[in-house]
C-alpha cells in the first residue's frame, strides 16, 4: 500500500474551500436590513367621512357601480348635481346600441330612458337608419365623472352619435374603440360633404321636436346649415338647437326637469328667436373661438376640484345610500 501524499497545492485549495463555505454560511446567517428595520405600518383605510372630505367628487361618484336605492330623482343643476335611483338603459334595443360600455354611463332618470326608447325608432324612421348609437348618459348615481365630462350629472343629458347603427350587434371591443363620424370640415366653418347627409337634418329635427327636450347642442357649422336649409319653414324646434363647443360628431340632448324632481334646477329659457341671426352665429366663427391666442405666461393653476360639499346636500345621501340591486337581491332571499 502506498500512503496518501498531501501536496502543498491540495492544502491550499482545501483551505480556500473551507473559507468559501464559512463565508456563505456567515452571509446566510446575517440578518437582512428588512429584518433589522421593521416595515412602516400600513396607513389605516379612510373612513367614508374622511373620503368625502378629502377626495374629489368625481372619484367618489366614479367608484359607484350601481345606483342608489330609492325613488329616481334628478338633483341639482345639469353640470352640478347627482341622480338618485338611476335607471339603466339596456345596452341593446330594437333600434339602438349603447357605445363605450366600459364607462358604465348608460344610467339616467326614467324620463331620459323613456325618451330614448321613444326617440330611437322615430329617428330610425325619419332617417332610414337601422337605429342610433347612444353615447354617454350619466353614471349610476350621476355626479361629476372621472373624465371631467362637465354636464350629464343629473340623469337628464344624453349624447347620440351622428352615425347610423349597423345591421349587426357590435362587440364590446368595437363599442369602446369605434370613433364617431365628424361632420365638420377641417376649417371648422363648413360641413364635410363626405360625411354630412340630409338624413342628419331629419335626425336633429326629430330630437328637437320632442316636447320634453330642453336643448339640442350641435357644432356651430351644423346649426348654420340647419338655418340655411330650413329657412323659415321651421317652428319652435329650431330655437332649441344651439351651438356649443365640440359637438361635431354627436348631438347632446337635454331634457327639462321632470315634475317628480323638485330639487332639479331648470335651465334658463332659450333667448328669443330661432338662433339663426348673424349676430348669434358670427361669434362661433370668430378667431376668438376658432383660433384663440395663447400668450406665454406662467402655467395656469389647475382648477379646484369639485368636492362633495360643492354639490347639493342631498347628493351626500345619494352617495352613501345602499346599492339598489344589492338590496333587491337581499329582499328576494
C-alpha atoms as a PDB file:
ATOM      1  CA  UNK A   1       0.000   0.000   0.000  1.00  0.00           C
ATOM      2  CA  UNK A   2       1.026   3.490  -0.647  1.00  0.00           C
ATOM      3  CA  UNK A   3       0.375   6.274   1.856  1.00  0.00           C
ATOM      4  CA  UNK A   4      -1.690   9.213   0.544  1.00  0.00           C
ATOM      5  CA  UNK A   5       0.611  12.098  -0.331  1.00  0.00           C
ATOM      6  CA  UNK A   6      -0.764  15.558   0.545  1.00  0.00           C
ATOM      7  CA  UNK A   7       0.823  18.230  -1.600  1.00  0.00           C
ATOM      8  CA  UNK A   8       1.037  21.936  -0.710  1.00  0.00           C
ATOM      9  CA  UNK A   9      -1.391  22.701  -3.557  1.00  0.00           C
ATOM     10  CA  UNK A  10      -4.002  20.357  -2.111  1.00  0.00           C
ATOM     11  CA  UNK A  11      -3.687  22.027   1.270  1.00  0.00           C
ATOM     12  CA  UNK A  12      -4.093  25.426  -0.327  1.00  0.00           C
ATOM     13  CA  UNK A  13      -7.321  24.559  -2.220  1.00  0.00           C
ATOM     14  CA  UNK A  14      -8.779  22.810   0.801  1.00  0.00           C
ATOM     15  CA  UNK A  15      -8.237  25.934   2.854  1.00  0.00           C
ATOM     16  CA  UNK A  16      -9.819  28.161   0.206  1.00  0.00           C
ATOM     17  CA  UNK A  17     -12.859  25.876   0.000  1.00  0.00           C
ATOM     18  CA  UNK A  18     -13.331  25.962   3.761  1.00  0.00           C
ATOM     19  CA  UNK A  19     -13.195  29.745   3.777  1.00  0.00           C
ATOM     20  CA  UNK A  20     -15.790  29.961   0.994  1.00  0.00           C
ATOM     21  CA  UNK A  21     -18.175  27.671   2.850  1.00  0.00           C
ATOM     22  CA  UNK A  22     -17.691  29.665   6.037  1.00  0.00           C
ATOM     23  CA  UNK A  23     -18.329  32.941   4.196  1.00  0.00           C
ATOM     24  CA  UNK A  24     -21.564  31.686   2.598  1.00  0.00           C
ATOM     25  CA  UNK A  25     -22.748  30.426   5.967  1.00  0.00           C
ATOM     26  CA  UNK A  26     -21.991  33.760   7.596  1.00  0.00           C
ATOM     27  CA  UNK A  27     -23.857  35.678   4.881  1.00  0.00           C
ATOM     28  CA  UNK A  28     -26.881  33.390   5.153  1.00  0.00           C
ATOM     29  CA  UNK A  29     -26.968  33.878   8.920  1.00  0.00           C
ATOM     30  CA  UNK A  30     -26.537  37.666   8.792  1.00  0.00           C
ATOM     31  CA  UNK A  31     -29.867  39.462   9.384  1.00  0.00           C
ATOM     32  CA  UNK A  32     -31.075  41.463   6.375  1.00  0.00           C
ATOM     33  CA  UNK A  33     -31.820  45.171   6.536  1.00  0.00           C
ATOM     34  CA  UNK A  34     -35.523  44.406   6.274  1.00  0.00           C
ATOM     35  CA  UNK A  35     -35.254  42.117   9.290  1.00  0.00           C
ATOM     36  CA  UNK A  36     -33.385  44.750  11.262  1.00  0.00           C
ATOM     37  CA  UNK A  37     -35.666  47.661  10.247  1.00  0.00           C
ATOM     38  CA  UNK A  38     -39.364  46.857  10.598  1.00  0.00           C
ATOM     39  CA  UNK A  39     -41.650  47.827   7.699  1.00  0.00           C
ATOM     40  CA  UNK A  40     -43.568  51.065   8.169  1.00  0.00           C
ATOM     41  CA  UNK A  41     -47.068  50.435   9.451  1.00  0.00           C
ATOM     42  CA  UNK A  42     -49.802  50.459   6.834  1.00  0.00           C
ATOM     43  CA  UNK A  43     -51.945  53.553   6.791  1.00  0.00           C
ATOM     44  CA  UNK A  44     -55.439  52.826   8.042  1.00  0.00           C
ATOM     45  CA  UNK A  45     -58.152  52.920   5.381  1.00  0.00           C
ATOM     46  CA  UNK A  46     -60.008  56.197   5.145  1.00  0.00           C
ATOM     47  CA  UNK A  47     -63.434  56.276   6.680  1.00  0.00           C
ATOM     48  CA  UNK A  48     -66.358  57.285   4.490  1.00  0.00           C
ATOM     49  CA  UNK A  49     -66.427  60.675   6.162  1.00  0.00           C
ATOM     50  CA  UNK A  50     -62.704  61.193   5.537  1.00  0.00           C
ATOM     51  CA  UNK A  51     -63.112  60.188   1.884  1.00  0.00           C
ATOM     52  CA  UNK A  52     -65.933  62.656   1.374  1.00  0.00           C
ATOM     53  CA  UNK A  53     -63.821  65.483   2.776  1.00  0.00           C
ATOM     54  CA  UNK A  54     -60.535  64.689   1.045  1.00  0.00           C
ATOM     55  CA  UNK A  55     -61.374  63.075  -2.328  1.00  0.00           C
ATOM     56  CA  UNK A  56     -62.806  64.925  -5.360  1.00  0.00           C
ATOM     57  CA  UNK A  57     -66.477  64.264  -6.027  1.00  0.00           C
ATOM     58  CA  UNK A  58     -65.626  62.763  -9.437  1.00  0.00           C
ATOM     59  CA  UNK A  59     -63.679  59.988  -7.698  1.00  0.00           C
ATOM     60  CA  UNK A  60     -66.418  59.312  -5.156  1.00  0.00           C
ATOM     61  CA  UNK A  61     -69.178  59.075  -7.774  1.00  0.00           C
ATOM     62  CA  UNK A  62     -66.966  57.338 -10.316  1.00  0.00           C
ATOM     63  CA  UNK A  63     -66.388  54.463  -7.897  1.00  0.00           C
ATOM     64  CA  UNK A  64     -70.102  53.722  -7.598  1.00  0.00           C
ATOM     65  CA  UNK A  65     -71.021  50.903  -9.971  1.00  0.00           C
ATOM     66  CA  UNK A  66     -74.711  50.706  -9.075  1.00  0.00           C
ATOM     67  CA  UNK A  67     -77.493  53.241  -8.445  1.00  0.00           C
ATOM     68  CA  UNK A  68     -78.781  54.161  -5.031  1.00  0.00           C
ATOM     69  CA  UNK A  69     -81.806  52.521  -3.500  1.00  0.00           C
ATOM     70  CA  UNK A  70     -84.994  54.536  -3.654  1.00  0.00           C
ATOM     71  CA  UNK A  71     -87.102  56.660  -5.945  1.00  0.00           C
ATOM     72  CA  UNK A  72     -85.490  58.138  -9.048  1.00  0.00           C
ATOM     73  CA  UNK A  73     -84.881  61.871  -8.592  1.00  0.00           C
ATOM     74  CA  UNK A  74     -82.763  64.383 -10.532  1.00  0.00           C
ATOM     75  CA  UNK A  75     -80.975  66.634  -8.026  1.00  0.00           C
ATOM     76  CA  UNK A  76     -79.326  69.983  -8.705  1.00  0.00           C
ATOM     77  CA  UNK A  77     -78.228  71.545 -11.991  1.00  0.00           C
ATOM     78  CA  UNK A  78     -77.114  69.724 -15.138  1.00  0.00           C
ATOM     79  CA  UNK A  79     -73.379  70.388 -14.553  1.00  0.00           C
ATOM     80  CA  UNK A  80     -73.558  70.357 -10.742  1.00  0.00           C
ATOM     81  CA  UNK A  81     -75.711  67.669  -9.173  1.00  0.00           C
ATOM     82  CA  UNK A  82     -76.437  63.955  -8.870  1.00  0.00           C
ATOM     83  CA  UNK A  83     -79.024  61.264  -9.556  1.00  0.00           C
ATOM     84  CA  UNK A  84     -80.931  59.177  -7.021  1.00  0.00           C
ATOM     85  CA  UNK A  85     -82.378  55.804  -8.009  1.00  0.00           C
ATOM     86  CA  UNK A  86     -80.904  55.798 -11.506  1.00  0.00           C
ATOM     87  CA  UNK A  87     -82.381  53.503 -14.170  1.00  0.00           C
ATOM     88  CA  UNK A  88     -80.238  51.607 -16.679  1.00  0.00           C
ATOM     89  CA  UNK A  89     -80.737  51.864 -20.428  1.00  0.00           C
ATOM     90  CA  UNK A  90     -80.320  48.348 -21.891  1.00  0.00           C
ATOM     91  CA  UNK A  91     -77.148  48.222 -23.966  1.00  0.00           C
ATOM     92  CA  UNK A  92     -79.073  46.741 -26.887  1.00  0.00           C
ATOM     93  CA  UNK A  93     -82.526  47.689 -28.112  1.00  0.00           C
ATOM     94  CA  UNK A  94     -84.551  47.170 -31.292  1.00  0.00           C
ATOM     95  CA  UNK A  95     -83.280  50.485 -32.689  1.00  0.00           C
ATOM     96  CA  UNK A  96     -80.307  51.433 -30.516  1.00  0.00           C
ATOM     97  CA  UNK A  97     -76.958  50.227 -29.216  1.00  0.00           C
ATOM     98  CA  UNK A  98     -75.027  51.813 -26.356  1.00  0.00           C
ATOM     99  CA  UNK A  99     -71.390  52.715 -27.002  1.00  0.00           C
ATOM    100  CA  UNK A 100     -68.393  52.970 -24.619  1.00  0.00           C
ATOM    101  CA  UNK A 101     -69.710  50.285 -22.285  1.00  0.00           C
ATOM    102  CA  UNK A 102     -66.556  50.345 -20.161  1.00  0.00           C
ATOM    103  CA  UNK A 103     -67.540  53.791 -18.900  1.00  0.00           C
ATOM    104  CA  UNK A 104     -70.720  52.497 -17.196  1.00  0.00           C
ATOM    105  CA  UNK A 105     -72.602  55.653 -18.133  1.00  0.00           C
ATOM    106  CA  UNK A 106     -75.838  54.240 -19.508  1.00  0.00           C
ATOM    107  CA  UNK A 107     -77.897  55.348 -16.491  1.00  0.00           C
ATOM    108  CA  UNK A 108     -80.476  58.089 -16.210  1.00  0.00           C
ATOM    109  CA  UNK A 109     -83.713  59.374 -14.791  1.00  0.00           C
ATOM    110  CA  UNK A 110     -86.693  57.308 -16.044  1.00  0.00           C
ATOM    111  CA  UNK A 111     -87.791  60.231 -18.211  1.00  0.00           C
ATOM    112  CA  UNK A 112     -84.492  60.022 -20.128  1.00  0.00           C
ATOM    113  CA  UNK A 113     -84.798  56.259 -20.580  1.00  0.00           C
ATOM    114  CA  UNK A 114     -88.370  56.664 -21.841  1.00  0.00           C
ATOM    115  CA  UNK A 115     -87.245  59.442 -24.203  1.00  0.00           C
ATOM    116  CA  UNK A 116     -84.585  57.224 -25.768  1.00  0.00           C
ATOM    117  CA  UNK A 117     -86.962  54.285 -26.117  1.00  0.00           C
ATOM    118  CA  UNK A 118     -89.325  56.608 -27.996  1.00  0.00           C
ATOM    119  CA  UNK A 119     -86.760  58.633 -29.932  1.00  0.00           C
ATOM    120  CA  UNK A 120     -84.699  55.746 -31.321  1.00  0.00           C
ATOM    121  CA  UNK A 121     -87.488  54.264 -33.508  1.00  0.00           C
ATOM    122  CA  UNK A 122     -88.660  57.741 -34.545  1.00  0.00           C
ATOM    123  CA  UNK A 123     -85.124  58.674 -35.628  1.00  0.00           C
ATOM    124  CA  UNK A 124     -84.732  55.379 -37.477  1.00  0.00           C
ATOM    125  CA  UNK A 125     -87.950  56.015 -39.399  1.00  0.00           C
ATOM    126  CA  UNK A 126     -87.064  59.655 -40.174  1.00  0.00           C
ATOM    127  CA  UNK A 127     -83.565  58.860 -41.438  1.00  0.00           C
ATOM    128  CA  UNK A 128     -83.932  55.381 -42.873  1.00  0.00           C
ATOM    129  CA  UNK A 129     -81.233  54.136 -40.497  1.00  0.00           C
ATOM    130  CA  UNK A 130     -81.369  50.790 -38.683  1.00  0.00           C
ATOM    131  CA  UNK A 131     -81.213  52.737 -35.440  1.00  0.00           C
ATOM    132  CA  UNK A 132     -78.985  55.056 -33.402  1.00  0.00           C
ATOM    133  CA  UNK A 133     -75.755  54.760 -31.426  1.00  0.00           C
ATOM    134  CA  UNK A 134     -76.058  56.112 -27.893  1.00  0.00           C
ATOM    135  CA  UNK A 135     -73.080  57.632 -26.104  1.00  0.00           C
ATOM    136  CA  UNK A 136     -72.920  58.903 -22.524  1.00  0.00           C
ATOM    137  CA  UNK A 137     -75.964  59.272 -20.322  1.00  0.00           C
ATOM    138  CA  UNK A 138     -74.948  59.500 -16.646  1.00  0.00           C
ATOM    139  CA  UNK A 139     -73.104  57.420 -14.077  1.00  0.00           C
ATOM    140  CA  UNK A 140     -75.237  55.161 -11.841  1.00  0.00           C
ATOM    141  CA  UNK A 141     -75.541  57.961  -9.263  1.00  0.00           C
ATOM    142  CA  UNK A 142     -74.816  60.854 -11.599  1.00  0.00           C
ATOM    143  CA  UNK A 143     -72.395  63.421 -10.259  1.00  0.00           C
ATOM    144  CA  UNK A 144     -69.065  64.539 -11.739  1.00  0.00           C
ATOM    145  CA  UNK A 145     -67.258  61.900 -13.796  1.00  0.00           C
ATOM    146  CA  UNK A 146     -63.545  60.962 -13.746  1.00  0.00           C
ATOM    147  CA  UNK A 147     -63.189  62.188 -17.348  1.00  0.00           C
ATOM    148  CA  UNK A 148     -64.443  65.643 -16.299  1.00  0.00           C
ATOM    149  CA  UNK A 149     -67.463  65.475 -18.615  1.00  0.00           C
ATOM    150  CA  UNK A 150     -68.927  68.719 -17.335  1.00  0.00           C
ATOM    151  CA  UNK A 151     -72.637  68.005 -17.595  1.00  0.00           C
ATOM    152  CA  UNK A 152     -74.511  64.660 -17.604  1.00  0.00           C
ATOM    153  CA  UNK A 153     -74.682  64.809 -13.794  1.00  0.00           C
ATOM    154  CA  UNK A 154     -78.403  64.574 -13.007  1.00  0.00           C
ATOM    155  CA  UNK A 155     -79.581  61.884 -15.437  1.00  0.00           C
ATOM    156  CA  UNK A 156     -81.231  64.175 -17.997  1.00  0.00           C
ATOM    157  CA  UNK A 157     -78.474  64.504 -20.645  1.00  0.00           C
ATOM    158  CA  UNK A 158     -77.519  62.070 -23.409  1.00  0.00           C
ATOM    159  CA  UNK A 159     -75.094  62.086 -26.341  1.00  0.00           C
ATOM    160  CA  UNK A 160     -76.308  60.408 -29.549  1.00  0.00           C
ATOM    161  CA  UNK A 161     -73.861  59.854 -32.381  1.00  0.00           C
ATOM    162  CA  UNK A 162     -74.156  61.165 -35.948  1.00  0.00           C
ATOM    163  CA  UNK A 163     -73.616  57.585 -37.117  1.00  0.00           C
ATOM    164  CA  UNK A 164     -76.270  55.045 -38.127  1.00  0.00           C
ATOM    165  CA  UNK A 165     -76.489  51.857 -36.130  1.00  0.00           C
ATOM    166  CA  UNK A 166     -75.100  48.924 -38.144  1.00  0.00           C
ATOM    167  CA  UNK A 167     -77.248  45.915 -39.023  1.00  0.00           C
ATOM    168  CA  UNK A 168     -75.427  43.716 -36.516  1.00  0.00           C
ATOM    169  CA  UNK A 169     -74.688  43.796 -32.808  1.00  0.00           C
ATOM    170  CA  UNK A 170     -71.331  45.446 -32.166  1.00  0.00           C
ATOM    171  CA  UNK A 171     -68.860  43.726 -29.854  1.00  0.00           C
ATOM    172  CA  UNK A 172     -67.746  45.337 -26.606  1.00  0.00           C
ATOM    173  CA  UNK A 173     -64.327  45.992 -28.134  1.00  0.00           C
ATOM    174  CA  UNK A 174     -65.887  47.716 -31.139  1.00  0.00           C
ATOM    175  CA  UNK A 175     -68.083  49.861 -28.935  1.00  0.00           C
ATOM    176  CA  UNK A 176     -65.059  51.029 -26.953  1.00  0.00           C
ATOM    177  CA  UNK A 177     -62.849  51.724 -29.980  1.00  0.00           C
ATOM    178  CA  UNK A 178     -65.008  52.875 -32.901  1.00  0.00           C
ATOM    179  CA  UNK A 179     -64.710  56.626 -33.477  1.00  0.00           C
ATOM    180  CA  UNK A 180     -67.794  58.724 -34.147  1.00  0.00           C
ATOM    181  CA  UNK A 181     -68.010  60.463 -37.546  1.00  0.00           C
ATOM    182  CA  UNK A 182     -67.027  64.142 -37.725  1.00  0.00           C
ATOM    183  CA  UNK A 183     -69.476  66.119 -39.865  1.00  0.00           C
ATOM    184  CA  UNK A 184     -67.443  69.352 -39.918  1.00  0.00           C
ATOM    185  CA  UNK A 185     -64.620  70.295 -42.295  1.00  0.00           C
ATOM    186  CA  UNK A 186     -61.044  70.959 -41.218  1.00  0.00           C
ATOM    187  CA  UNK A 187     -61.538  74.759 -41.127  1.00  0.00           C
ATOM    188  CA  UNK A 188     -64.429  74.295 -38.638  1.00  0.00           C
ATOM    189  CA  UNK A 189     -66.536  76.742 -40.658  1.00  0.00           C
ATOM    190  CA  UNK A 190     -68.247  74.403 -43.087  1.00  0.00           C
ATOM    191  CA  UNK A 191     -69.661  70.915 -43.222  1.00  0.00           C
ATOM    192  CA  UNK A 192     -67.727  67.999 -44.624  1.00  0.00           C
ATOM    193  CA  UNK A 193     -69.500  66.895 -47.833  1.00  0.00           C
ATOM    194  CA  UNK A 194     -68.021  63.429 -47.411  1.00  0.00           C
ATOM    195  CA  UNK A 195     -69.866  62.833 -44.131  1.00  0.00           C
ATOM    196  CA  UNK A 196     -72.792  65.268 -43.984  1.00  0.00           C
ATOM    197  CA  UNK A 197     -76.110  63.994 -45.352  1.00  0.00           C
ATOM    198  CA  UNK A 198     -79.726  65.235 -45.458  1.00  0.00           C
ATOM    199  CA  UNK A 199     -80.549  62.438 -43.012  1.00  0.00           C
ATOM    200  CA  UNK A 200     -78.660  64.346 -40.321  1.00  0.00           C
ATOM    201  CA  UNK A 201     -81.150  67.196 -40.586  1.00  0.00           C
ATOM    202  CA  UNK A 202     -84.038  64.772 -40.030  1.00  0.00           C
ATOM    203  CA  UNK A 203     -82.123  63.228 -37.118  1.00  0.00           C
ATOM    204  CA  UNK A 204     -81.630  66.557 -35.321  1.00  0.00           C
ATOM    205  CA  UNK A 205     -85.127  67.785 -36.108  1.00  0.00           C
ATOM    206  CA  UNK A 206     -86.704  64.628 -34.694  1.00  0.00           C
ATOM    207  CA  UNK A 207     -84.872  65.126 -31.401  1.00  0.00           C
ATOM    208  CA  UNK A 208     -85.683  68.833 -31.111  1.00  0.00           C
ATOM    209  CA  UNK A 209     -89.385  68.319 -31.859  1.00  0.00           C
ATOM    210  CA  UNK A 210     -89.932  66.147 -28.780  1.00  0.00           C
ATOM    211  CA  UNK A 211     -91.822  68.220 -26.182  1.00  0.00           C
ATOM    212  CA  UNK A 212     -89.694  67.118 -23.214  1.00  0.00           C
ATOM    213  CA  UNK A 213     -86.448  68.257 -24.869  1.00  0.00           C
ATOM    214  CA  UNK A 214     -84.942  71.465 -23.489  1.00  0.00           C
ATOM    215  CA  UNK A 215     -81.831  71.741 -25.703  1.00  0.00           C
ATOM    216  CA  UNK A 216     -80.118  70.004 -28.611  1.00  0.00           C
ATOM    217  CA  UNK A 217     -76.458  71.035 -28.764  1.00  0.00           C
ATOM    218  CA  UNK A 218     -74.568  70.828 -32.081  1.00  0.00           C
ATOM    219  CA  UNK A 219     -71.477  72.302 -33.713  1.00  0.00           C
ATOM    220  CA  UNK A 220     -71.962  75.879 -34.994  1.00  0.00           C
ATOM    221  CA  UNK A 221     -71.420  74.833 -38.628  1.00  0.00           C
ATOM    222  CA  UNK A 222     -74.263  72.351 -38.277  1.00  0.00           C
ATOM    223  CA  UNK A 223     -76.562  74.974 -36.769  1.00  0.00           C
ATOM    224  CA  UNK A 224     -75.731  77.348 -39.618  1.00  0.00           C
ATOM    225  CA  UNK A 225     -76.612  74.710 -42.210  1.00  0.00           C
ATOM    226  CA  UNK A 226     -79.903  73.928 -40.464  1.00  0.00           C
ATOM    227  CA  UNK A 227     -80.825  77.601 -40.599  1.00  0.00           C
ATOM    228  CA  UNK A 228     -79.994  77.746 -44.316  1.00  0.00           C
ATOM    229  CA  UNK A 229     -81.903  74.624 -45.307  1.00  0.00           C
ATOM    230  CA  UNK A 230     -84.940  75.107 -43.105  1.00  0.00           C
ATOM    231  CA  UNK A 231     -85.041  78.898 -43.544  1.00  0.00           C
ATOM    232  CA  UNK A 232     -88.440  79.986 -42.207  1.00  0.00           C
ATOM    233  CA  UNK A 233     -90.120  76.616 -42.680  1.00  0.00           C
ATOM    234  CA  UNK A 234     -89.451  75.563 -39.099  1.00  0.00           C
ATOM    235  CA  UNK A 235     -91.438  76.023 -35.924  1.00  0.00           C
ATOM    236  CA  UNK A 236     -90.197  76.338 -32.339  1.00  0.00           C
ATOM    237  CA  UNK A 237     -87.900  73.305 -32.614  1.00  0.00           C
ATOM    238  CA  UNK A 238     -85.114  75.333 -34.245  1.00  0.00           C
ATOM    239  CA  UNK A 239     -84.787  77.561 -31.177  1.00  0.00           C
ATOM    240  CA  UNK A 240     -83.864  74.510 -29.103  1.00  0.00           C
ATOM    241  CA  UNK A 241     -80.890  73.696 -31.348  1.00  0.00           C
ATOM    242  CA  UNK A 242     -77.921  75.664 -30.045  1.00  0.00           C
ATOM    243  CA  UNK A 243     -74.225  75.778 -30.958  1.00  0.00           C
ATOM    244  CA  UNK A 244     -71.720  74.565 -28.410  1.00  0.00           C
ATOM    245  CA  UNK A 245     -68.097  73.502 -28.372  1.00  0.00           C
ATOM    246  CA  UNK A 246     -67.195  70.012 -29.507  1.00  0.00           C
ATOM    247  CA  UNK A 247     -70.492  68.731 -30.855  1.00  0.00           C
ATOM    248  CA  UNK A 248     -69.242  67.861 -34.357  1.00  0.00           C
ATOM    249  CA  UNK A 249     -69.790  64.097 -34.098  1.00  0.00           C
ATOM    250  CA  UNK A 250     -72.878  63.834 -31.894  1.00  0.00           C
ATOM    251  CA  UNK A 251     -75.909  65.706 -30.637  1.00  0.00           C
ATOM    252  CA  UNK A 252     -76.284  66.419 -26.953  1.00  0.00           C
ATOM    253  CA  UNK A 253     -79.927  66.162 -25.926  1.00  0.00           C
ATOM    254  CA  UNK A 254     -81.013  67.712 -22.637  1.00  0.00           C
ATOM    255  CA  UNK A 255     -84.447  67.144 -21.108  1.00  0.00           C
ATOM    256  CA  UNK A 256     -86.329  69.603 -18.953  1.00  0.00           C
ATOM    257  CA  UNK A 257     -86.629  68.954 -15.224  1.00  0.00           C
ATOM    258  CA  UNK A 258     -89.289  66.296 -14.548  1.00  0.00           C
ATOM    259  CA  UNK A 259     -92.218  67.017 -12.268  1.00  0.00           C
ATOM    260  CA  UNK A 260     -91.098  64.372  -9.743  1.00  0.00           C
ATOM    261  CA  UNK A 261     -87.785  66.148  -9.077  1.00  0.00           C
ATOM    262  CA  UNK A 262     -88.434  69.399  -7.176  1.00  0.00           C
ATOM    263  CA  UNK A 263     -84.717  69.799  -6.412  1.00  0.00           C
ATOM    264  CA  UNK A 264     -83.843  69.831 -10.119  1.00  0.00           C
ATOM    265  CA  UNK A 265     -82.806  73.308 -11.235  1.00  0.00           C
ATOM    266  CA  UNK A 266     -84.218  74.264 -14.630  1.00  0.00           C
ATOM    267  CA  UNK A 267     -82.054  75.737 -17.357  1.00  0.00           C
ATOM    268  CA  UNK A 268     -82.935  79.326 -18.300  1.00  0.00           C
ATOM    269  CA  UNK A 269     -85.193  79.548 -21.358  1.00  0.00           C
ATOM    270  CA  UNK A 270     -83.534  79.990 -24.744  1.00  0.00           C
ATOM    271  CA  UNK A 271     -83.273  83.616 -25.884  1.00  0.00           C
ATOM    272  CA  UNK A 272     -85.991  84.883 -28.184  1.00  0.00           C
ATOM    273  CA  UNK A 273     -85.798  83.910 -31.834  1.00  0.00           C
ATOM    274  CA  UNK A 274     -84.559  80.812 -33.575  1.00  0.00           C
ATOM    275  CA  UNK A 275     -80.840  81.437 -33.076  1.00  0.00           C
ATOM    276  CA  UNK A 276     -80.231  81.861 -36.822  1.00  0.00           C
ATOM    277  CA  UNK A 277     -79.326  85.545 -36.743  1.00  0.00           C
ATOM    278  CA  UNK A 278     -75.899  86.614 -37.990  1.00  0.00           C
ATOM    279  CA  UNK A 279     -75.108  88.238 -34.660  1.00  0.00           C
ATOM    280  CA  UNK A 280     -75.755  84.970 -32.831  1.00  0.00           C
ATOM    281  CA  UNK A 281     -73.787  82.774 -35.251  1.00  0.00           C
ATOM    282  CA  UNK A 282     -70.853  85.048 -36.122  1.00  0.00           C
ATOM    283  CA  UNK A 283     -69.344  84.675 -32.665  1.00  0.00           C
ATOM    284  CA  UNK A 284     -68.837  80.936 -33.190  1.00  0.00           C
ATOM    285  CA  UNK A 285     -66.826  81.517 -36.374  1.00  0.00           C
ATOM    286  CA  UNK A 286     -64.644  84.280 -34.963  1.00  0.00           C
ATOM    287  CA  UNK A 287     -60.909  83.862 -34.399  1.00  0.00           C
ATOM    288  CA  UNK A 288     -61.590  84.160 -30.688  1.00  0.00           C
ATOM    289  CA  UNK A 289     -63.361  80.796 -30.830  1.00  0.00           C
ATOM    290  CA  UNK A 290     -61.660  79.013 -33.729  1.00  0.00           C
ATOM    291  CA  UNK A 291     -58.101  80.264 -33.227  1.00  0.00           C
ATOM    292  CA  UNK A 292     -57.729  81.528 -29.682  1.00  0.00           C
ATOM    293  CA  UNK A 293     -54.450  83.323 -29.000  1.00  0.00           C
ATOM    294  CA  UNK A 294     -52.348  81.635 -26.349  1.00  0.00           C
ATOM    295  CA  UNK A 295     -49.919  84.105 -24.799  1.00  0.00           C
ATOM    296  CA  UNK A 296     -46.852  82.783 -22.944  1.00  0.00           C
ATOM    297  CA  UNK A 297     -47.309  83.205 -19.260  1.00  0.00           C
ATOM    298  CA  UNK A 298     -46.953  81.340 -16.033  1.00  0.00           C
ATOM    299  CA  UNK A 299     -48.563  77.906 -16.138  1.00  0.00           C
ATOM    300  CA  UNK A 300     -52.181  78.223 -15.166  1.00  0.00           C
ATOM    301  CA  UNK A 301     -53.133  76.712 -11.872  1.00  0.00           C
ATOM    302  CA  UNK A 302     -55.283  73.594 -12.264  1.00  0.00           C
ATOM    303  CA  UNK A 303     -58.913  74.284 -11.456  1.00  0.00           C
ATOM    304  CA  UNK A 304     -60.009  73.499  -7.956  1.00  0.00           C
ATOM    305  CA  UNK A 305     -61.640  70.052  -7.932  1.00  0.00           C
ATOM    306  CA  UNK A 306     -65.347  69.841  -7.231  1.00  0.00           C
ATOM    307  CA  UNK A 307     -65.857  68.308  -3.810  1.00  0.00           C
ATOM    308  CA  UNK A 308     -68.932  66.629  -2.403  1.00  0.00           C
ATOM    309  CA  UNK A 309     -69.579  69.750  -0.317  1.00  0.00           C
ATOM    310  CA  UNK A 310     -69.888  71.751  -3.554  1.00  0.00           C
ATOM    311  CA  UNK A 311     -72.870  69.659  -4.677  1.00  0.00           C
ATOM    312  CA  UNK A 312     -76.431  69.910  -3.335  1.00  0.00           C
ATOM    313  CA  UNK A 313     -76.629  68.486   0.224  1.00  0.00           C
ATOM    314  CA  UNK A 314     -78.914  65.664  -0.945  1.00  0.00           C
ATOM    315  CA  UNK A 315     -76.029  64.254  -3.017  1.00  0.00           C
ATOM    316  CA  UNK A 316     -74.298  63.140   0.186  1.00  0.00           C
ATOM    317  CA  UNK A 317     -77.328  60.957   0.955  1.00  0.00           C
ATOM    318  CA  UNK A 318     -77.297  59.605  -2.609  1.00  0.00           C
ATOM    319  CA  UNK A 319     -73.612  58.737  -2.356  1.00  0.00           C
ATOM    320  CA  UNK A 320     -73.962  56.923   0.965  1.00  0.00           C
ATOM    321  CA  UNK A 321     -77.202  55.085   0.137  1.00  0.00           C
ATOM    322  CA  UNK A 322     -77.179  51.278  -0.307  1.00  0.00           C
ATOM    323  CA  UNK A 323     -76.971  49.846  -3.811  1.00  0.00           C
ATOM    324  CA  UNK A 324     -80.351  49.336  -5.419  1.00  0.00           C
ATOM    325  CA  UNK A 325     -79.652  45.871  -6.843  1.00  0.00           C
ATOM    326  CA  UNK A 326     -77.952  44.604  -3.656  1.00  0.00           C
ATOM    327  CA  UNK A 327     -80.997  45.389  -1.591  1.00  0.00           C
ATOM    328  CA  UNK A 328     -83.324  43.924  -4.193  1.00  0.00           C
ATOM    329  CA  UNK A 329     -81.301  40.712  -4.051  1.00  0.00           C
ATOM    330  CA  UNK A 330     -81.469  40.674  -0.271  1.00  0.00           C
ATOM    331  CA  UNK A 331     -85.220  41.215  -0.361  1.00  0.00           C
ATOM    332  CA  UNK A 332     -85.623  38.089  -2.504  1.00  0.00           C
ATOM    333  CA  UNK A 333     -83.776  35.860  -0.034  1.00  0.00           C
END
